[in-house]
N, C-alpha and C. Protein backbone atom coordinates (compact mmCIF):
# COMPACT_ATOMS: atom_id res chain seq x y z
N UNK A 1 -16.81 -25.98 -7.29
CA UNK A 1 -16.99 -25.98 -5.85
C UNK A 1 -17.96 -24.86 -5.48
N UNK A 2 -18.94 -25.21 -4.69
CA UNK A 2 -19.94 -24.22 -4.31
C UNK A 2 -19.39 -23.30 -3.23
N UNK A 3 -20.09 -22.21 -3.00
CA UNK A 3 -19.69 -21.26 -1.97
C UNK A 3 -19.70 -21.91 -0.59
N UNK A 4 -20.71 -22.73 -0.32
CA UNK A 4 -20.78 -23.40 0.98
C UNK A 4 -19.62 -24.37 1.16
N UNK A 5 -19.25 -25.07 0.09
CA UNK A 5 -18.10 -25.97 0.18
C UNK A 5 -16.82 -25.19 0.45
N UNK A 6 -16.68 -24.02 -0.19
CA UNK A 6 -15.49 -23.18 0.03
C UNK A 6 -15.43 -22.71 1.47
N UNK A 7 -16.56 -22.31 2.01
CA UNK A 7 -16.61 -21.84 3.39
C UNK A 7 -16.27 -22.99 4.34
N UNK A 8 -16.85 -24.18 4.08
CA UNK A 8 -16.55 -25.34 4.92
C UNK A 8 -15.06 -25.67 4.88
N UNK A 9 -14.46 -25.62 3.70
CA UNK A 9 -13.03 -25.90 3.55
C UNK A 9 -12.20 -24.88 4.33
N UNK A 10 -12.56 -23.61 4.22
CA UNK A 10 -11.84 -22.55 4.93
C UNK A 10 -11.95 -22.75 6.44
N UNK A 11 -13.15 -23.05 6.92
CA UNK A 11 -13.34 -23.26 8.35
C UNK A 11 -12.58 -24.49 8.84
N UNK A 12 -12.57 -25.54 8.03
CA UNK A 12 -11.83 -26.76 8.40
C UNK A 12 -10.34 -26.46 8.50
N UNK A 13 -9.82 -25.70 7.54
CA UNK A 13 -8.40 -25.34 7.56
C UNK A 13 -8.08 -24.45 8.76
N UNK A 14 -8.98 -23.53 9.08
CA UNK A 14 -8.78 -22.67 10.25
C UNK A 14 -8.72 -23.52 11.52
N UNK A 15 -9.61 -24.48 11.61
CA UNK A 15 -9.65 -25.38 12.76
C UNK A 15 -8.36 -26.19 12.85
N UNK A 16 -7.87 -26.68 11.72
CA UNK A 16 -6.62 -27.45 11.70
C UNK A 16 -5.46 -26.59 12.18
N UNK A 17 -5.39 -25.36 11.72
CA UNK A 17 -4.29 -24.47 12.12
C UNK A 17 -4.36 -24.19 13.61
N UNK A 18 -5.55 -23.99 14.15
CA UNK A 18 -5.69 -23.77 15.60
C UNK A 18 -5.19 -24.99 16.38
N UNK A 19 -5.57 -26.19 15.93
CA UNK A 19 -5.13 -27.41 16.61
C UNK A 19 -3.61 -27.54 16.56
N UNK A 20 -3.03 -27.27 15.40
CA UNK A 20 -1.57 -27.34 15.27
C UNK A 20 -0.91 -26.33 16.19
N UNK A 21 -1.43 -25.10 16.20
CA UNK A 21 -0.88 -24.05 17.05
C UNK A 21 -0.93 -24.46 18.51
N UNK A 22 -2.07 -25.01 18.93
CA UNK A 22 -2.22 -25.43 20.32
C UNK A 22 -1.29 -26.60 20.64
N UNK A 23 -1.14 -27.55 19.71
CA UNK A 23 -0.29 -28.71 19.97
C UNK A 23 1.19 -28.31 20.03
N UNK A 24 1.56 -27.28 19.30
CA UNK A 24 2.94 -26.82 19.34
C UNK A 24 3.20 -25.91 20.53
N UNK A 25 2.13 -25.50 21.21
CA UNK A 25 2.22 -24.62 22.37
C UNK A 25 3.01 -23.36 22.02
N UNK A 26 2.60 -22.69 20.96
CA UNK A 26 3.31 -21.51 20.48
C UNK A 26 2.94 -20.31 21.33
N UNK A 27 3.92 -19.81 22.08
CA UNK A 27 3.70 -18.63 22.91
C UNK A 27 3.56 -17.40 22.02
N UNK A 28 2.70 -16.51 22.40
CA UNK A 28 2.54 -15.25 21.68
C UNK A 28 1.57 -15.34 20.52
N UNK A 29 1.15 -16.52 20.14
CA UNK A 29 0.18 -16.64 19.06
C UNK A 29 -1.20 -16.61 19.70
N UNK A 30 -1.85 -15.47 19.58
CA UNK A 30 -3.14 -15.33 20.25
C UNK A 30 -4.30 -15.25 19.29
N UNK A 31 -4.01 -14.95 18.03
CA UNK A 31 -5.10 -14.78 17.08
C UNK A 31 -4.67 -15.26 15.71
N UNK A 32 -5.55 -15.94 15.03
CA UNK A 32 -5.28 -16.37 13.67
C UNK A 32 -6.11 -15.50 12.75
N UNK A 33 -5.47 -14.97 11.74
CA UNK A 33 -6.15 -14.13 10.78
C UNK A 33 -7.00 -15.02 9.87
N UNK A 34 -8.30 -15.07 10.15
CA UNK A 34 -9.19 -15.98 9.43
C UNK A 34 -9.24 -15.68 7.94
N UNK A 35 -9.19 -14.41 7.58
CA UNK A 35 -9.21 -14.06 6.17
C UNK A 35 -7.99 -14.62 5.47
N UNK A 36 -6.81 -14.40 6.07
CA UNK A 36 -5.57 -14.88 5.45
C UNK A 36 -5.56 -16.39 5.35
N UNK A 37 -6.03 -17.07 6.39
CA UNK A 37 -6.06 -18.52 6.40
C UNK A 37 -7.00 -19.02 5.31
N UNK A 38 -8.20 -18.47 5.26
CA UNK A 38 -9.16 -18.96 4.28
C UNK A 38 -8.74 -18.61 2.86
N UNK A 39 -8.16 -17.44 2.68
CA UNK A 39 -7.73 -17.05 1.34
C UNK A 39 -6.52 -17.87 0.90
N UNK A 40 -5.59 -18.12 1.81
CA UNK A 40 -4.40 -18.89 1.47
C UNK A 40 -4.78 -20.34 1.16
N UNK A 41 -5.71 -20.90 1.93
CA UNK A 41 -6.08 -22.30 1.74
C UNK A 41 -6.85 -22.50 0.44
N UNK A 42 -7.58 -21.50 0.02
CA UNK A 42 -8.35 -21.65 -1.21
C UNK A 42 -7.64 -21.07 -2.43
N UNK A 43 -6.47 -20.47 -2.20
CA UNK A 43 -5.71 -19.89 -3.31
C UNK A 43 -6.27 -18.56 -3.78
N UNK A 44 -7.17 -17.98 -3.03
CA UNK A 44 -7.78 -16.71 -3.41
C UNK A 44 -7.18 -15.57 -2.60
N UNK A 45 -7.66 -14.38 -2.89
CA UNK A 45 -7.25 -13.22 -2.10
C UNK A 45 -8.49 -12.56 -1.53
N UNK A 46 -8.26 -11.61 -0.63
CA UNK A 46 -9.37 -10.88 -0.06
C UNK A 46 -10.03 -10.09 -1.19
N UNK A 47 -11.34 -10.13 -1.31
CA UNK A 47 -12.02 -9.44 -2.41
C UNK A 47 -11.72 -7.94 -2.42
N UNK A 48 -11.60 -7.37 -3.62
CA UNK A 48 -11.27 -5.95 -3.77
C UNK A 48 -12.27 -5.05 -3.06
N UNK A 49 -13.55 -5.43 -3.04
CA UNK A 49 -14.53 -4.57 -2.38
C UNK A 49 -14.31 -4.54 -0.86
N UNK A 50 -13.83 -5.64 -0.29
CA UNK A 50 -13.51 -5.66 1.14
C UNK A 50 -12.26 -4.81 1.41
N UNK A 51 -11.26 -4.94 0.53
CA UNK A 51 -10.04 -4.13 0.66
C UNK A 51 -10.40 -2.65 0.61
N UNK A 52 -11.24 -2.28 -0.34
CA UNK A 52 -11.65 -0.87 -0.47
C UNK A 52 -12.42 -0.41 0.77
N UNK A 53 -13.31 -1.26 1.26
CA UNK A 53 -14.09 -0.91 2.45
C UNK A 53 -13.16 -0.67 3.64
N UNK A 54 -12.16 -1.52 3.79
CA UNK A 54 -11.19 -1.37 4.89
C UNK A 54 -10.43 -0.06 4.74
N UNK A 55 -9.98 0.23 3.53
CA UNK A 55 -9.23 1.47 3.29
C UNK A 55 -10.11 2.70 3.51
N UNK A 56 -11.37 2.63 3.11
CA UNK A 56 -12.27 3.76 3.32
C UNK A 56 -12.54 3.97 4.82
N UNK A 57 -12.67 2.87 5.56
CA UNK A 57 -12.86 3.00 7.01
C UNK A 57 -11.66 3.71 7.63
N UNK A 58 -10.47 3.34 7.18
CA UNK A 58 -9.24 3.96 7.72
C UNK A 58 -9.20 5.43 7.32
N UNK A 59 -9.58 5.74 6.08
CA UNK A 59 -9.62 7.12 5.61
C UNK A 59 -10.60 7.95 6.42
N UNK A 60 -11.68 7.33 6.87
CA UNK A 60 -12.68 8.02 7.67
C UNK A 60 -12.34 8.05 9.16
N UNK A 61 -11.13 7.59 9.50
CA UNK A 61 -10.64 7.74 10.87
C UNK A 61 -10.74 6.54 11.77
N UNK A 62 -11.18 5.40 11.26
CA UNK A 62 -11.26 4.20 12.11
C UNK A 62 -9.85 3.73 12.48
N UNK A 63 -9.71 3.22 13.69
CA UNK A 63 -8.40 2.73 14.13
C UNK A 63 -8.12 1.36 13.53
N UNK A 64 -6.84 1.01 13.47
CA UNK A 64 -6.45 -0.30 12.95
C UNK A 64 -7.10 -1.41 13.77
N UNK A 65 -7.12 -1.25 15.09
CA UNK A 65 -7.67 -2.31 15.93
C UNK A 65 -9.17 -2.47 15.74
N UNK A 66 -9.89 -1.36 15.54
CA UNK A 66 -11.34 -1.46 15.30
C UNK A 66 -11.63 -2.20 13.99
N UNK A 67 -10.86 -1.87 12.96
CA UNK A 67 -11.05 -2.53 11.66
C UNK A 67 -10.69 -4.01 11.78
N UNK A 68 -9.58 -4.29 12.46
CA UNK A 68 -9.14 -5.68 12.63
C UNK A 68 -10.21 -6.50 13.35
N UNK A 69 -10.82 -5.92 14.38
CA UNK A 69 -11.87 -6.63 15.11
C UNK A 69 -13.08 -6.89 14.21
N UNK A 70 -13.47 -5.87 13.44
CA UNK A 70 -14.65 -6.02 12.59
C UNK A 70 -14.47 -7.13 11.56
N UNK A 71 -13.28 -7.23 10.97
CA UNK A 71 -13.05 -8.22 9.92
C UNK A 71 -12.36 -9.47 10.43
N UNK A 72 -12.12 -9.52 11.73
CA UNK A 72 -11.46 -10.67 12.35
C UNK A 72 -10.11 -10.94 11.68
N UNK A 73 -9.32 -9.88 11.56
CA UNK A 73 -7.98 -9.96 10.99
C UNK A 73 -6.98 -9.44 12.02
N UNK A 74 -5.72 -9.73 11.78
CA UNK A 74 -4.69 -9.17 12.64
C UNK A 74 -4.39 -7.73 12.19
N UNK A 75 -3.91 -6.93 13.11
CA UNK A 75 -3.66 -5.51 12.82
C UNK A 75 -2.63 -5.36 11.70
N UNK A 76 -1.63 -6.22 11.67
CA UNK A 76 -0.59 -6.13 10.63
C UNK A 76 -1.19 -6.24 9.23
N UNK A 77 -2.14 -7.13 9.06
CA UNK A 77 -2.80 -7.30 7.76
C UNK A 77 -3.50 -6.01 7.35
N UNK A 78 -4.21 -5.40 8.29
CA UNK A 78 -4.93 -4.15 8.01
C UNK A 78 -3.93 -3.04 7.70
N UNK A 79 -2.88 -2.94 8.49
CA UNK A 79 -1.87 -1.90 8.30
C UNK A 79 -1.23 -2.01 6.92
N UNK A 80 -0.81 -3.21 6.56
CA UNK A 80 -0.18 -3.41 5.25
C UNK A 80 -1.13 -3.07 4.11
N UNK A 81 -2.38 -3.40 4.30
CA UNK A 81 -3.39 -3.11 3.28
C UNK A 81 -3.60 -1.60 3.12
N UNK A 82 -3.66 -0.87 4.26
CA UNK A 82 -3.94 0.56 4.20
C UNK A 82 -2.71 1.38 3.81
N UNK A 83 -1.53 0.77 3.82
CA UNK A 83 -0.31 1.46 3.38
C UNK A 83 0.11 1.01 1.99
N UNK A 84 -0.74 0.23 1.33
CA UNK A 84 -0.51 -0.28 -0.02
C UNK A 84 0.73 -1.16 -0.10
N UNK A 85 1.08 -1.83 0.99
CA UNK A 85 2.16 -2.82 0.93
C UNK A 85 1.61 -4.11 0.34
N UNK A 86 0.32 -4.33 0.50
CA UNK A 86 -0.37 -5.43 -0.14
C UNK A 86 -1.53 -4.84 -0.94
N UNK A 87 -2.03 -5.58 -1.89
CA UNK A 87 -3.14 -5.12 -2.75
C UNK A 87 -2.80 -3.77 -3.37
N UNK A 88 -1.62 -3.68 -3.96
CA UNK A 88 -1.10 -2.42 -4.49
C UNK A 88 -1.87 -1.90 -5.70
N UNK A 89 -2.50 -2.79 -6.43
CA UNK A 89 -3.15 -2.38 -7.68
C UNK A 89 -4.64 -2.08 -7.53
N UNK A 90 -5.10 -1.91 -6.31
CA UNK A 90 -6.50 -1.56 -6.12
C UNK A 90 -6.61 -0.21 -5.43
N UNK A 91 -7.65 0.49 -5.70
CA UNK A 91 -7.99 1.75 -5.02
C UNK A 91 -6.99 2.88 -5.23
N UNK A 92 -6.48 3.02 -6.43
CA UNK A 92 -5.50 4.10 -6.67
C UNK A 92 -6.13 5.48 -6.46
N UNK A 93 -7.46 5.58 -6.58
CA UNK A 93 -8.13 6.86 -6.41
C UNK A 93 -8.12 7.38 -4.98
N UNK A 94 -7.96 6.49 -4.00
CA UNK A 94 -7.94 6.95 -2.61
C UNK A 94 -6.56 6.82 -1.97
N UNK A 95 -5.58 6.38 -2.74
CA UNK A 95 -4.25 6.14 -2.19
C UNK A 95 -3.61 7.41 -1.62
N UNK A 96 -3.53 8.45 -2.42
CA UNK A 96 -2.87 9.68 -2.00
C UNK A 96 -3.62 10.33 -0.82
N UNK A 97 -4.96 10.48 -0.89
CA UNK A 97 -5.64 11.08 0.27
C UNK A 97 -5.45 10.28 1.57
N UNK A 98 -5.47 8.96 1.48
CA UNK A 98 -5.30 8.15 2.70
C UNK A 98 -3.88 8.28 3.24
N UNK A 99 -2.89 8.16 2.38
CA UNK A 99 -1.51 8.27 2.84
C UNK A 99 -1.19 9.67 3.34
N UNK A 100 -1.82 10.66 2.75
CA UNK A 100 -1.65 12.04 3.23
C UNK A 100 -2.28 12.18 4.63
N UNK A 101 -3.48 11.60 4.80
CA UNK A 101 -4.16 11.68 6.09
C UNK A 101 -3.35 10.98 7.18
N UNK A 102 -2.70 9.88 6.82
CA UNK A 102 -1.90 9.12 7.78
C UNK A 102 -0.54 9.76 8.04
N UNK A 103 -0.21 10.80 7.27
CA UNK A 103 1.05 11.52 7.49
C UNK A 103 2.22 11.01 6.69
N UNK A 104 1.98 10.12 5.73
CA UNK A 104 3.07 9.61 4.91
C UNK A 104 3.38 10.52 3.75
N UNK A 105 2.44 11.38 3.39
CA UNK A 105 2.67 12.39 2.37
C UNK A 105 2.27 13.71 2.99
N UNK A 106 3.17 14.64 2.95
CA UNK A 106 2.89 15.94 3.54
C UNK A 106 2.51 16.92 2.43
N UNK A 107 1.38 17.57 2.63
CA UNK A 107 0.96 18.60 1.70
C UNK A 107 1.71 19.86 2.09
N UNK A 108 2.49 20.34 1.18
CA UNK A 108 3.34 21.47 1.52
C UNK A 108 3.09 22.63 0.58
N UNK A 109 3.73 23.71 0.91
CA UNK A 109 3.64 24.87 0.04
C UNK A 109 4.42 24.57 -1.24
N UNK A 110 4.45 25.50 -2.13
CA UNK A 110 5.09 25.31 -3.41
C UNK A 110 6.53 24.84 -3.24
N UNK A 111 6.88 23.81 -3.97
CA UNK A 111 8.23 23.27 -3.92
C UNK A 111 8.97 23.63 -5.19
N UNK A 112 10.26 23.91 -5.04
CA UNK A 112 11.08 24.22 -6.20
C UNK A 112 11.84 22.99 -6.64
N UNK A 113 11.89 22.80 -7.94
CA UNK A 113 12.64 21.69 -8.51
C UNK A 113 14.11 22.09 -8.61
N UNK A 114 14.97 21.33 -7.96
CA UNK A 114 16.41 21.57 -8.03
C UNK A 114 17.03 20.45 -8.87
N UNK A 115 18.29 20.62 -9.21
CA UNK A 115 18.98 19.61 -9.99
C UNK A 115 19.02 18.28 -9.23
N UNK A 116 19.28 18.33 -7.93
CA UNK A 116 19.32 17.11 -7.12
C UNK A 116 17.97 16.41 -7.08
N UNK A 117 16.89 17.19 -6.91
CA UNK A 117 15.55 16.61 -6.90
C UNK A 117 15.23 16.00 -8.27
N UNK A 118 15.63 16.69 -9.32
CA UNK A 118 15.41 16.20 -10.68
C UNK A 118 16.11 14.86 -10.88
N UNK A 119 17.38 14.78 -10.46
CA UNK A 119 18.14 13.53 -10.59
C UNK A 119 17.47 12.40 -9.82
N UNK A 120 16.99 12.72 -8.63
CA UNK A 120 16.32 11.71 -7.80
C UNK A 120 15.06 11.19 -8.48
N UNK A 121 14.24 12.10 -8.98
CA UNK A 121 12.99 11.72 -9.65
C UNK A 121 13.27 10.84 -10.87
N UNK A 122 14.21 11.27 -11.70
CA UNK A 122 14.54 10.52 -12.92
C UNK A 122 15.08 9.14 -12.56
N UNK A 123 15.95 9.08 -11.57
CA UNK A 123 16.54 7.81 -11.15
C UNK A 123 15.46 6.84 -10.63
N UNK A 124 14.58 7.33 -9.77
CA UNK A 124 13.52 6.47 -9.24
C UNK A 124 12.58 6.00 -10.34
N UNK A 125 12.29 6.88 -11.28
CA UNK A 125 11.41 6.51 -12.40
C UNK A 125 12.07 5.44 -13.28
N UNK A 126 13.37 5.57 -13.50
CA UNK A 126 14.09 4.57 -14.30
C UNK A 126 14.12 3.23 -13.59
N UNK A 127 14.06 3.25 -12.26
CA UNK A 127 14.04 2.01 -11.49
C UNK A 127 12.65 1.40 -11.40
N UNK A 128 11.69 1.98 -12.11
CA UNK A 128 10.36 1.38 -12.21
C UNK A 128 9.32 1.93 -11.26
N UNK A 129 9.62 3.00 -10.54
CA UNK A 129 8.63 3.55 -9.60
C UNK A 129 7.63 4.43 -10.36
N UNK A 130 6.38 4.36 -9.95
CA UNK A 130 5.35 5.21 -10.54
C UNK A 130 5.41 6.60 -9.92
N UNK A 131 4.66 7.52 -10.49
CA UNK A 131 4.63 8.89 -9.95
C UNK A 131 4.18 8.91 -8.49
N UNK A 132 3.13 8.15 -8.19
CA UNK A 132 2.63 8.15 -6.81
C UNK A 132 3.62 7.50 -5.85
N UNK A 133 4.33 6.47 -6.30
CA UNK A 133 5.35 5.85 -5.45
C UNK A 133 6.50 6.80 -5.19
N UNK A 134 6.90 7.56 -6.22
CA UNK A 134 7.96 8.55 -6.05
C UNK A 134 7.51 9.62 -5.05
N UNK A 135 6.25 10.02 -5.16
CA UNK A 135 5.71 11.04 -4.25
C UNK A 135 5.74 10.55 -2.81
N UNK A 136 5.36 9.30 -2.60
CA UNK A 136 5.37 8.73 -1.26
C UNK A 136 6.79 8.63 -0.74
N UNK A 137 7.69 8.16 -1.59
CA UNK A 137 9.08 7.92 -1.18
C UNK A 137 9.83 9.21 -0.89
N UNK A 138 9.59 10.25 -1.68
CA UNK A 138 10.38 11.48 -1.55
C UNK A 138 9.66 12.62 -0.84
N UNK A 139 8.32 12.63 -0.90
CA UNK A 139 7.57 13.75 -0.35
C UNK A 139 7.46 14.91 -1.32
N UNK A 140 7.98 14.75 -2.54
CA UNK A 140 7.89 15.81 -3.54
C UNK A 140 6.44 15.94 -4.00
N UNK A 141 6.07 17.13 -4.45
CA UNK A 141 4.70 17.35 -4.89
C UNK A 141 4.43 16.62 -6.21
N UNK A 142 3.16 16.33 -6.41
CA UNK A 142 2.73 15.65 -7.64
C UNK A 142 3.10 16.47 -8.87
N UNK A 143 2.92 17.79 -8.78
CA UNK A 143 3.22 18.67 -9.90
C UNK A 143 4.71 18.67 -10.23
N UNK A 144 5.56 18.68 -9.19
CA UNK A 144 7.00 18.68 -9.41
C UNK A 144 7.43 17.39 -10.13
N UNK A 145 6.90 16.28 -9.69
CA UNK A 145 7.26 15.00 -10.29
C UNK A 145 6.78 14.94 -11.74
N UNK A 146 5.55 15.39 -11.97
CA UNK A 146 5.01 15.40 -13.33
C UNK A 146 5.86 16.27 -14.24
N UNK A 147 6.23 17.47 -13.77
CA UNK A 147 7.05 18.36 -14.58
C UNK A 147 8.41 17.75 -14.89
N UNK A 148 9.02 17.11 -13.90
CA UNK A 148 10.34 16.51 -14.11
C UNK A 148 10.27 15.38 -15.12
N UNK A 149 9.23 14.56 -15.05
CA UNK A 149 9.13 13.41 -15.94
C UNK A 149 8.67 13.78 -17.34
N UNK A 150 7.86 14.82 -17.44
CA UNK A 150 7.38 15.24 -18.76
C UNK A 150 8.38 16.14 -19.47
N UNK A 151 9.27 16.75 -18.70
CA UNK A 151 10.33 17.58 -19.29
C UNK A 151 9.82 18.83 -19.98
N UNK A 152 8.73 19.39 -19.48
CA UNK A 152 8.10 20.51 -20.18
C UNK A 152 8.56 21.89 -19.70
N UNK A 153 9.10 21.98 -18.50
CA UNK A 153 9.45 23.30 -17.99
C UNK A 153 10.84 23.73 -18.44
N UNK A 154 11.07 25.02 -18.37
CA UNK A 154 12.37 25.60 -18.74
C UNK A 154 13.46 25.04 -17.82
N UNK A 155 13.13 24.90 -16.54
CA UNK A 155 14.09 24.38 -15.56
C UNK A 155 14.54 22.97 -15.94
N UNK A 156 13.59 22.11 -16.31
CA UNK A 156 13.90 20.73 -16.65
C UNK A 156 14.81 20.69 -17.87
N UNK A 157 14.53 21.52 -18.85
CA UNK A 157 15.37 21.56 -20.06
C UNK A 157 16.78 22.01 -19.71
N UNK A 158 16.90 22.95 -18.78
CA UNK A 158 18.22 23.38 -18.33
C UNK A 158 18.96 22.25 -17.62
N UNK A 159 18.24 21.53 -16.76
CA UNK A 159 18.85 20.40 -16.04
C UNK A 159 19.31 19.33 -17.02
N UNK A 160 18.49 19.05 -18.03
CA UNK A 160 18.87 18.05 -19.03
C UNK A 160 20.13 18.47 -19.77
N UNK A 161 20.24 19.76 -20.12
CA UNK A 161 21.46 20.26 -20.78
C UNK A 161 22.67 20.09 -19.86
N UNK A 162 22.51 20.45 -18.58
CA UNK A 162 23.60 20.33 -17.62
C UNK A 162 24.06 18.88 -17.48
N UNK A 163 23.12 17.98 -17.40
CA UNK A 163 23.46 16.56 -17.26
C UNK A 163 24.14 16.01 -18.50
N UNK A 164 23.65 16.42 -19.69
CA UNK A 164 24.26 15.98 -20.94
C UNK A 164 25.66 16.55 -21.12
N UNK A 165 25.87 17.79 -20.66
CA UNK A 165 27.20 18.42 -20.75
C UNK A 165 28.19 17.74 -19.81
N UNK A 166 27.70 17.21 -18.68
CA UNK A 166 28.57 16.55 -17.71
C UNK A 166 29.02 15.16 -18.21
N UNK A 167 28.28 14.61 -19.14
CA UNK A 167 28.61 13.27 -19.66
C UNK A 167 29.65 13.31 -20.70
């Protein structure tokens, strides 16, 4: 299928969805996310370079509504993309700076690893969370999480002994 055929198919599907929406007289439906419609109808996803461009715009201070208007998407799609709720495996290099800028990760002064924090980190890691996901979820520093998971510090060795003695 050529690119023009794909575009025609996407536009036809968008038109069909608009007609269905209008015939159902759905209140509150004011905008159709053309990217989602075209990607869903063709079985594809939004290209990684577009996802990265959207995330970089947000990192540079663009509002969700401005980005949504530029790409003709709904704000929810942009929000989920910039919070890594969708397209989780792209742009890991800008994830922490963007989430920090948005206030989801707070850069703080030196944090101390306590037994409770250690237990939390180990538990989340065993449940399949990555270091960056643990950082987002807990607000713990990257260094603290790395030290807890690598088990290299004196504190971590003490915590491991305490936990083994309790068992």
